[in-house]
Amino acid sequence: MITLEQGYELTFRAPKAEGPLVIEHDVPNFAHVILLASETKNFAKDITPQSFVQLLGKKTNLIIALSSKQTPMSSLAAEFSLTLPPPGTPLVSYFPEREESPQVIPVSVQANSIVSSNINPVWFSGVPHSIGNNPMIVPILRAPEESFASETDGGSPDSLVDAAERGGEGLWAGSRLSLVTGFQTLDNSRVTFVGGVNVFSDEFAQKEISKGLPSGNAAFARDVVAWTFQETNVFRIESTTHHRVNATEPPEQYTTNDRLVYNAYISKYDSKTSTWVPYPEIRDLQLEFTMLDPHLRTALLPVSSNPGKYSATFRVPDRHGVFKFVINYKRKGLTYLTSSMTVPVVPPRHDGYPRFLSAAWPYYTGAISTSIAFFLFSALWLAGDSREKKAKGHKAE
């Protein structure tokens, strides 16, 4: 699953050992933590659900194996919107017919953004869990449709029925259940919950699904670990630029109705070479031009002549104020891409408006006709007064 050739330095520790500490003085001592002591009920003081949540906040990635028994990690799963069945109720399936125990189940792997599309079914033995509506949850491996949680490991049938009644019909049966689930925090830390540690075992990796068909456990484990340890599906925004059309430099401020160009440069991490390479394959990237609420939302399309470059051209709204260019790209299993840049938008200067507006011609016509009418009225009034004076003069003579 993890090899020294991949560049990892492995440190092994017993669950109750006092050191090395996973976090000390609020500083993580490891980039990644794997907890495979799924049935241990008592851990060292630094291995607690609270410390693991703190590790995620410090961008340390986690792989945690769960158990059908009640352990401190059961309460940790609940913090991530995962609900475990009552203790002692592992997953059971009697199909397909096989020599193995009903608790050892072959599970088909559905291709998604984390696991490859050509992986053979994997062997699973452990506890399922239902997932909530949290958008940051990433289902990786679903339970078979004919499987269900059963009290075969010393669990109570009554507690299972009570839990099903509280959660709704079919809560502990079928493909609604998840066996391996990932979770990605807002700052892109990753944690993966595995329903059974045997998924990663050599026994299951070497065990055949059927005669001549090897299991996909080894390949599945590699994909899960690669995703959790930030080797796959890791993207970042290298830079963003903006400027007016037919310009190259960003202005100090934009004017309403300006035409502008916004560019974003995105790269993907290549774990084989440990380098960032331009990534031109995103087809649903969007840009928002916001002031409190989005005034404009447009697609950021890849530029074929410049891999990794995404561009959008639009007109600034006829509204002045402080605006932001916002990219908020969140997809399950992929690194969240976020970017925000503030720019002021001002109205045109007094000499920036057109001298004459075509929409104002009715007002121009009204003003001109009123002026002409007043001039004619004044002329006629004055001319009439002059004639009256002349008429009076003739009568006096």
Protein backbone atom coordinates (compact mmCIF):
# COMPACT_ATOMS: atom_id res chain seq x y z
CA MET A 1 0.00 0.00 0.00
CA ILE A 2 2.80 2.41 0.96
CA THR A 3 6.41 1.89 -0.06
CA LEU A 4 9.63 3.63 0.85
CA GLU A 5 10.26 4.12 -2.86
CA GLN A 6 7.36 6.57 -2.87
CA GLY A 7 9.35 8.89 -0.63
CA TYR A 8 7.52 8.18 2.64
CA GLU A 9 9.32 7.75 5.95
CA LEU A 10 7.21 5.32 7.98
CA THR A 11 6.92 5.45 11.75
CA PHE A 12 5.04 2.64 13.53
CA ARG A 13 3.47 3.03 16.93
CA ALA A 14 1.34 0.86 19.21
CA PRO A 15 -2.07 2.31 20.14
CA LYS A 16 -1.13 2.82 23.79
CA ALA A 17 2.48 3.87 23.24
CA GLU A 18 3.35 7.32 24.58
CA GLY A 19 5.36 8.41 21.57
CA PRO A 20 6.12 9.70 19.11
CA LEU A 21 3.24 12.16 19.58
CA VAL A 22 1.03 12.77 16.55
CA ILE A 23 0.70 16.45 17.52
CA GLU A 24 2.79 18.44 19.97
CA HIS A 25 2.31 22.07 20.99
CA ASP A 26 -0.36 22.42 18.27
CA VAL A 27 2.18 21.37 15.63
CA PRO A 28 1.67 18.04 13.77
CA ASN A 29 4.66 15.72 13.75
CA PHE A 30 3.47 13.82 10.66
CA ALA A 31 2.11 14.77 7.26
CA HIS A 32 -0.21 11.73 7.24
CA VAL A 33 -1.60 9.44 9.95
CA ILE A 34 -2.98 5.92 9.47
CA LEU A 35 -4.93 4.32 12.32
CA LEU A 36 -5.45 0.59 11.75
CA ALA A 37 -6.10 -0.42 15.38
CA SER A 38 -9.78 -0.63 14.65
CA GLU A 39 -10.84 -2.69 17.71
CA THR A 40 -8.73 -0.91 20.32
CA LYS A 41 -10.89 0.81 22.93
CA ASN A 42 -8.15 2.65 24.84
CA PHE A 43 -5.55 4.82 23.14
CA ALA A 44 -2.72 7.03 24.29
CA LYS A 45 -3.61 10.53 25.48
CA ASP A 46 -2.72 12.18 22.16
CA ILE A 47 -4.88 9.81 20.07
CA THR A 48 -8.39 11.14 20.55
CA PRO A 49 -11.18 12.25 18.23
CA GLN A 50 -10.43 15.84 19.23
CA SER A 51 -6.74 15.54 18.34
CA PHE A 52 -7.62 14.03 14.94
CA VAL A 53 -9.98 16.90 14.19
CA GLN A 54 -7.17 19.25 15.17
CA LEU A 55 -4.78 17.40 12.85
CA LEU A 56 -7.17 17.93 9.94
CA GLY A 57 -7.25 21.63 10.74
CA LYS A 58 -3.45 21.60 10.45
CA LYS A 59 -3.65 19.94 7.00
CA THR A 60 -2.64 16.45 8.12
CA ASN A 61 -4.39 13.68 6.17
CA LEU A 62 -5.91 10.66 7.93
CA ILE A 63 -6.89 7.06 7.17
CA ILE A 64 -9.01 5.54 9.93
CA ALA A 65 -10.21 1.94 10.11
CA LEU A 66 -13.54 1.37 11.86
CA SER A 67 -14.82 -1.64 13.76
CA SER A 68 -18.15 -3.26 14.55
CA LYS A 69 -17.29 -2.69 18.21
CA GLN A 70 -17.81 0.60 20.03
CA THR A 71 -14.52 2.53 20.05
CA PRO A 72 -13.47 6.19 20.34
CA MET A 73 -13.23 6.30 16.54
CA SER A 74 -16.95 5.54 16.32
CA SER A 75 -17.69 8.95 17.81
CA LEU A 76 -15.14 10.53 15.47
CA ALA A 77 -17.02 9.17 12.43
CA ALA A 78 -20.18 10.87 13.67
CA GLU A 79 -18.36 14.23 13.48
CA PHE A 80 -18.17 13.71 9.71
CA SER A 81 -21.85 12.85 9.17
CA LEU A 82 -21.23 9.09 9.18
CA THR A 83 -23.65 6.93 11.17
CA LEU A 84 -22.52 3.48 12.27
CA PRO A 85 -24.96 0.65 13.08
CA PRO A 86 -25.22 -0.58 16.67
CA PRO A 87 -22.16 -2.43 18.00
CA GLY A 88 -21.78 -6.03 16.90
CA THR A 89 -23.58 -5.65 13.57
CA PRO A 90 -21.14 -6.13 10.68
CA LEU A 91 -22.10 -6.28 7.02
CA VAL A 92 -23.45 -9.61 5.82
CA SER A 93 -24.34 -10.93 2.37
CA TYR A 94 -25.28 -14.42 1.20
CA PHE A 95 -24.86 -13.59 -2.48
CA PRO A 96 -23.15 -14.67 -4.58
CA GLU A 97 -22.97 -18.23 -3.34
CA ARG A 98 -19.45 -18.96 -2.09
CA GLU A 99 -17.44 -20.98 0.40
CA GLU A 100 -16.41 -17.96 2.47
CA SER A 101 -18.22 -16.67 5.51
CA PRO A 102 -21.22 -14.40 4.82
CA GLN A 103 -19.18 -11.61 6.46
CA VAL A 104 -16.47 -11.90 3.79
CA ILE A 105 -18.08 -10.23 0.80
CA PRO A 106 -16.89 -9.55 -2.75
CA VAL A 107 -17.81 -5.98 -3.64
CA SER A 108 -17.80 -4.50 -7.13
CA VAL A 109 -15.89 -1.22 -7.43
CA GLN A 110 -17.71 1.57 -9.22
CA ALA A 111 -15.35 3.92 -11.02
CA ASN A 112 -15.34 7.47 -9.71
CA SER A 113 -13.00 10.40 -9.39
CA ILE A 114 -10.89 8.53 -6.83
CA VAL A 115 -10.59 4.90 -7.95
CA SER A 116 -9.70 3.65 -11.41
CA SER A 117 -12.24 2.23 -13.81
CA ASN A 118 -10.64 -1.18 -14.36
CA ILE A 119 -10.33 -2.47 -10.79
CA ASN A 120 -11.57 -6.02 -10.09
CA PRO A 121 -14.04 -6.60 -7.25
CA VAL A 122 -12.55 -6.32 -3.78
CA TRP A 123 -12.98 -8.47 -0.67
CA PHE A 124 -14.55 -6.70 2.28
CA SER A 125 -15.17 -7.70 5.89
CA GLY A 126 -16.23 -5.13 8.42
CA VAL A 127 -18.86 -2.62 9.40
CA PRO A 128 -20.90 -0.44 7.02
CA HIS A 129 -22.04 3.09 7.69
CA SER A 130 -24.71 5.40 6.35
CA ILE A 131 -23.70 8.82 5.09
CA GLY A 132 -25.42 12.13 5.71
CA ASN A 133 -26.10 15.01 3.36
CA ASN A 134 -22.82 16.79 4.00
CA PRO A 135 -21.56 17.96 0.57
CA MET A 136 -17.94 17.35 1.57
CA ILE A 137 -18.48 13.58 1.89
CA VAL A 138 -16.98 11.52 -0.94
CA PRO A 139 -18.41 7.96 -1.21
CA ILE A 140 -15.67 5.64 -2.47
CA LEU A 141 -17.03 2.10 -2.07
CA ARG A 142 -20.72 1.26 -1.73
CA ALA A 143 -22.19 -1.89 -0.21
CA PRO A 144 -23.79 -4.48 -2.55
CA GLU A 145 -27.54 -4.16 -2.99
CA GLU A 146 -28.23 -7.57 -1.42
CA SER A 147 -26.11 -6.92 1.70
CA PHE A 148 -27.31 -5.80 5.11
CA ALA A 149 -26.06 -5.18 8.64
CA SER A 150 -26.70 -8.15 10.91
CA GLU A 151 -26.23 -8.88 14.61
CA THR A 152 -24.03 -11.90 13.84
CA ASP A 153 -21.09 -10.54 15.87
CA GLY A 154 -22.82 -10.46 19.23
CA GLY A 155 -25.06 -7.51 18.49
CA SER A 156 -28.61 -7.06 19.68
CA PRO A 157 -31.43 -7.55 17.15
CA ASP A 158 -33.60 -5.13 19.10
CA SER A 159 -31.01 -2.36 18.98
CA LEU A 160 -30.64 -2.86 15.22
CA VAL A 161 -34.41 -2.62 14.74
CA ASP A 162 -34.56 0.48 16.93
CA ALA A 163 -31.76 2.12 14.96
CA ALA A 164 -33.48 1.29 11.68
CA GLU A 165 -36.74 2.78 12.93
CA ARG A 166 -34.98 5.97 13.95
CA GLY A 167 -33.12 6.26 10.67
CA GLY A 168 -35.86 5.16 8.32
CA GLU A 169 -36.73 2.01 6.41
CA GLY A 170 -33.79 0.35 4.71
CA LEU A 171 -31.17 2.35 6.62
CA TRP A 172 -28.93 -0.67 7.24
CA ALA A 173 -29.38 -2.50 3.96
CA GLY A 174 -28.42 -2.22 0.32
CA SER A 175 -26.32 0.23 -1.64
CA ARG A 176 -27.38 3.13 0.59
CA LEU A 177 -24.64 1.89 2.89
CA SER A 178 -21.05 2.91 2.33
CA LEU A 179 -18.00 0.81 3.14
CA VAL A 180 -15.19 3.25 2.39
CA THR A 181 -15.89 6.98 2.56
CA GLY A 182 -13.71 10.02 2.12
CA PHE A 183 -14.16 13.50 3.49
CA GLN A 184 -12.43 16.66 2.27
CA THR A 185 -12.39 19.73 4.49
CA LEU A 186 -12.69 23.30 3.24
CA ASP A 187 -8.91 23.73 3.42
CA ASN A 188 -8.49 20.52 1.37
CA SER A 189 -7.32 18.20 4.15
CA ARG A 190 -8.52 14.64 3.53
CA VAL A 191 -9.69 11.82 5.78
CA THR A 192 -10.85 8.35 4.72
CA PHE A 193 -12.93 6.03 6.88
CA VAL A 194 -12.60 2.32 6.07
CA GLY A 195 -15.23 -0.08 7.40
CA GLY A 196 -12.74 -2.89 7.88
CA VAL A 197 -8.97 -3.01 8.17
CA ASN A 198 -8.91 -6.32 6.23
CA VAL A 199 -9.52 -4.39 3.01
CA PHE A 200 -5.82 -3.48 3.17
CA SER A 201 -4.60 -6.93 4.25
CA ASP A 202 -2.25 -9.15 2.25
CA GLU A 203 -4.73 -12.01 2.69
CA PHE A 204 -7.46 -10.19 0.80
CA ALA A 205 -5.00 -8.78 -1.75
CA GLN A 206 -3.82 -12.28 -2.67
CA LYS A 207 -7.25 -13.93 -2.46
CA GLU A 208 -9.03 -14.68 -5.75
CA ILE A 209 -12.59 -13.52 -6.37
CA SER A 210 -13.15 -16.57 -8.51
CA LYS A 211 -10.89 -19.02 -10.20
CA GLY A 212 -8.41 -17.07 -12.30
CA LEU A 213 -9.78 -13.66 -11.25
CA PRO A 214 -7.54 -11.91 -8.69
CA SER A 215 -9.03 -9.47 -6.25
CA GLY A 216 -8.66 -5.71 -6.77
CA ASN A 217 -7.79 -4.98 -3.13
CA ALA A 218 -4.19 -4.01 -3.85
CA ALA A 219 -5.09 -1.61 -6.65
CA PHE A 220 -8.03 -0.25 -4.67
CA ALA A 221 -5.83 0.37 -1.63
CA ARG A 222 -3.27 2.21 -3.77
CA ASP A 223 -5.93 4.50 -5.22
CA VAL A 224 -7.47 5.24 -1.82
CA VAL A 225 -4.12 5.99 -0.23
CA ALA A 226 -3.01 8.12 -3.19
CA TRP A 227 -6.15 10.24 -2.93
CA THR A 228 -5.99 10.59 0.84
CA PHE A 229 -2.30 11.51 0.80
CA GLN A 230 -2.82 14.26 -1.80
CA GLU A 231 -1.15 12.41 -4.66
CA THR A 232 -4.16 12.47 -7.00
CA ASN A 233 -6.90 14.96 -7.82
CA VAL A 234 -4.85 17.85 -6.45
CA PHE A 235 -5.23 21.17 -8.28
CA ARG A 236 -4.32 24.75 -7.59
CA ILE A 237 -4.80 28.18 -9.15
CA GLU A 238 -1.36 29.41 -10.11
CA SER A 239 -2.40 33.00 -10.84
CA THR A 240 -5.23 35.18 -12.07
CA THR A 241 -5.15 38.29 -14.25
CA HIS A 242 -7.67 40.83 -15.47
CA HIS A 243 -7.56 43.80 -17.82
CA ARG A 244 -9.65 45.75 -20.29
CA VAL A 245 -10.17 44.39 -23.78
CA ASN A 246 -7.29 45.48 -26.07
CA ALA A 247 -5.09 46.15 -23.00
CA THR A 248 -2.56 44.07 -21.11
CA GLU A 249 -2.17 45.71 -17.72
CA PRO A 250 -4.84 45.75 -14.99
CA PRO A 251 -6.24 49.24 -14.32
CA GLU A 252 -6.58 50.76 -10.86
CA GLN A 253 -10.33 50.81 -11.38
CA TYR A 254 -12.93 49.90 -13.94
CA THR A 255 -15.68 52.08 -15.35
CA THR A 256 -19.24 50.86 -15.72
CA ASN A 257 -19.88 49.13 -19.05
CA ASP A 258 -16.17 48.48 -19.66
CA ARG A 259 -15.33 45.31 -21.57
CA LEU A 260 -12.81 43.25 -19.62
CA VAL A 261 -10.92 39.95 -19.82
CA TYR A 262 -10.34 37.65 -16.83
CA ASN A 263 -7.80 34.81 -16.97
CA ALA A 264 -7.06 31.99 -14.51
CA TYR A 265 -4.13 29.58 -14.74
CA ILE A 266 -4.70 26.13 -13.19
CA SER A 267 -2.22 23.32 -12.60
CA LYS A 268 -2.48 19.71 -11.46
CA TYR A 269 0.00 17.95 -9.21
CA ASP A 270 1.95 15.08 -10.81
CA SER A 271 3.05 12.80 -7.98
CA LYS A 272 5.39 10.81 -10.26
CA THR A 273 7.57 13.82 -10.98
CA SER A 274 6.58 15.92 -7.95
CA THR A 275 5.81 18.84 -10.26
CA TRP A 276 2.80 20.98 -11.15
CA VAL A 277 1.72 20.76 -14.78
CA PRO A 278 -0.89 22.91 -16.58
CA TYR A 279 -4.31 21.27 -16.59
CA PRO A 280 -6.71 22.15 -19.44
CA GLU A 281 -9.46 19.55 -18.83
CA ILE A 282 -11.92 21.41 -16.57
CA ARG A 283 -15.13 22.06 -18.51
CA ASP A 284 -17.46 23.47 -15.83
CA LEU A 285 -15.39 26.22 -14.24
CA GLN A 286 -17.29 29.44 -13.53
CA LEU A 287 -16.43 33.03 -12.64
CA GLU A 288 -18.65 35.29 -10.54
CA PHE A 289 -18.46 39.07 -10.54
CA THR A 290 -20.04 39.91 -7.22
CA MET A 291 -20.98 42.81 -4.95
CA LEU A 292 -22.63 41.05 -2.01
CA ASP A 293 -24.60 38.98 -4.56
CA PRO A 294 -23.36 37.82 -7.95
CA HIS A 295 -24.14 40.48 -10.55
CA LEU A 296 -22.70 38.25 -13.24
CA ARG A 297 -21.86 34.55 -13.55
CA THR A 298 -20.09 33.30 -16.64
CA ALA A 299 -18.13 30.25 -17.80
CA LEU A 300 -14.35 30.22 -17.63
CA LEU A 301 -13.47 28.30 -20.76
CA PRO A 302 -10.11 26.63 -21.44
CA VAL A 303 -7.92 28.32 -24.02
CA SER A 304 -6.80 25.67 -26.49
CA SER A 305 -3.66 27.56 -27.53
CA ASN A 306 -2.47 27.92 -23.93
CA PRO A 307 -2.92 24.75 -21.79
CA GLY A 308 -3.94 25.50 -18.25
CA LYS A 309 -5.34 28.93 -19.10
CA TYR A 310 -9.04 29.65 -18.63
CA SER A 311 -10.54 32.89 -19.87
CA ALA A 312 -13.78 34.87 -19.87
CA THR A 313 -14.71 38.19 -21.49
CA PHE A 314 -17.69 40.19 -20.26
CA ARG A 315 -19.08 43.69 -19.80
CA VAL A 316 -18.91 45.36 -16.39
CA PRO A 317 -22.43 45.88 -15.00
CA ASP A 318 -23.93 49.38 -15.04
CA ARG A 319 -23.49 49.60 -11.29
CA HIS A 320 -20.64 51.27 -9.44
CA GLY A 321 -19.19 49.96 -6.18
CA VAL A 322 -16.59 47.49 -4.89
CA PHE A 323 -16.78 44.22 -6.84
CA LYS A 324 -14.95 40.90 -6.52
CA PHE A 325 -13.79 38.34 -9.06
CA VAL A 326 -14.72 35.02 -7.40
CA ILE A 327 -13.87 31.44 -8.36
CA ASN A 328 -15.51 28.86 -6.10
CA TYR A 329 -15.07 25.44 -7.72
CA LYS A 330 -16.03 22.51 -5.49
CA ARG A 331 -16.41 18.99 -6.85
CA LYS A 332 -16.43 15.72 -4.95
CA GLY A 333 -13.01 14.13 -4.80
CA LEU A 334 -11.21 17.12 -6.31
CA THR A 335 -9.25 19.84 -4.60
CA TYR A 336 -11.43 22.87 -4.02
CA LEU A 337 -10.38 25.83 -6.16
CA THR A 338 -11.13 29.21 -4.62
CA SER A 339 -9.95 32.67 -5.57
CA SER A 340 -11.17 36.17 -4.72
CA MET A 341 -9.90 39.51 -5.99
CA THR A 342 -11.38 42.93 -5.24
CA VAL A 343 -11.67 45.72 -7.82
CA PRO A 344 -13.48 49.10 -7.70
CA VAL A 345 -16.01 50.03 -10.36
CA VAL A 346 -16.75 53.77 -10.79
CA PRO A 347 -19.18 55.75 -12.97
CA PRO A 348 -17.75 57.65 -15.96
CA ARG A 349 -16.17 61.09 -15.40
CA HIS A 350 -18.17 64.17 -16.30
CA ASP A 351 -16.38 64.28 -19.66
CA GLY A 352 -16.77 60.57 -20.16
CA TYR A 353 -20.42 60.62 -21.10
CA PRO A 354 -21.55 61.17 -24.75
CA ARG A 355 -22.37 64.80 -25.53
CA PHE A 356 -25.73 63.82 -26.98
CA LEU A 357 -27.78 60.78 -26.06
CA SER A 358 -30.09 59.32 -28.67
CA ALA A 359 -32.57 58.33 -25.97
CA ALA A 360 -32.84 61.98 -24.89
CA TRP A 361 -33.97 63.39 -28.27
CA PRO A 362 -37.58 63.86 -27.06
CA TYR A 363 -36.26 66.06 -24.29
CA TYR A 364 -33.96 67.93 -26.67
CA THR A 365 -36.91 68.51 -29.04
CA GLY A 366 -39.11 69.71 -26.21
CA ALA A 367 -36.49 72.17 -24.93
CA ILE A 368 -35.74 73.53 -28.42
CA SER A 369 -39.41 73.90 -29.38
CA THR A 370 -40.15 75.66 -26.09
CA SER A 371 -37.28 78.09 -26.67
CA ILE A 372 -38.42 78.85 -30.24
CA ALA A 373 -42.03 79.31 -29.10
CA PHE A 374 -40.92 81.71 -26.37
CA PHE A 375 -38.81 83.70 -28.82
CA LEU A 376 -41.71 83.98 -31.30
CA PHE A 377 -44.12 84.91 -28.53
CA SER A 378 -41.78 87.64 -27.28
CA ALA A 379 -41.24 89.01 -30.79
CA LEU A 380 -44.94 89.11 -31.52
CA TRP A 381 -45.69 90.72 -28.17
CA LEU A 382 -43.11 93.41 -28.67
CA ALA A 383 -44.17 94.04 -32.26
CA GLY A 384 -47.81 94.38 -31.19
CA ASP A 385 -46.96 96.93 -28.49
CA SER A 386 -45.06 99.08 -31.06
CA ARG A 387 -48.10 99.22 -33.39
CA GLU A 388 -50.36 100.36 -30.53
CA LYS A 389 -48.03 103.30 -29.76
CA LYS A 390 -47.99 104.39 -33.40
CA ALA A 391 -51.82 104.23 -33.59
CA LYS A 392 -52.17 106.45 -30.51
CA GLY A 393 -49.72 109.00 -32.01
CA HIS A 394 -51.81 109.36 -35.19
CA LYS A 395 -55.00 109.96 -33.19
CA ALA A 396 -53.33 112.75 -31.10
CA GLU A 397 -52.37 114.70 -34.26
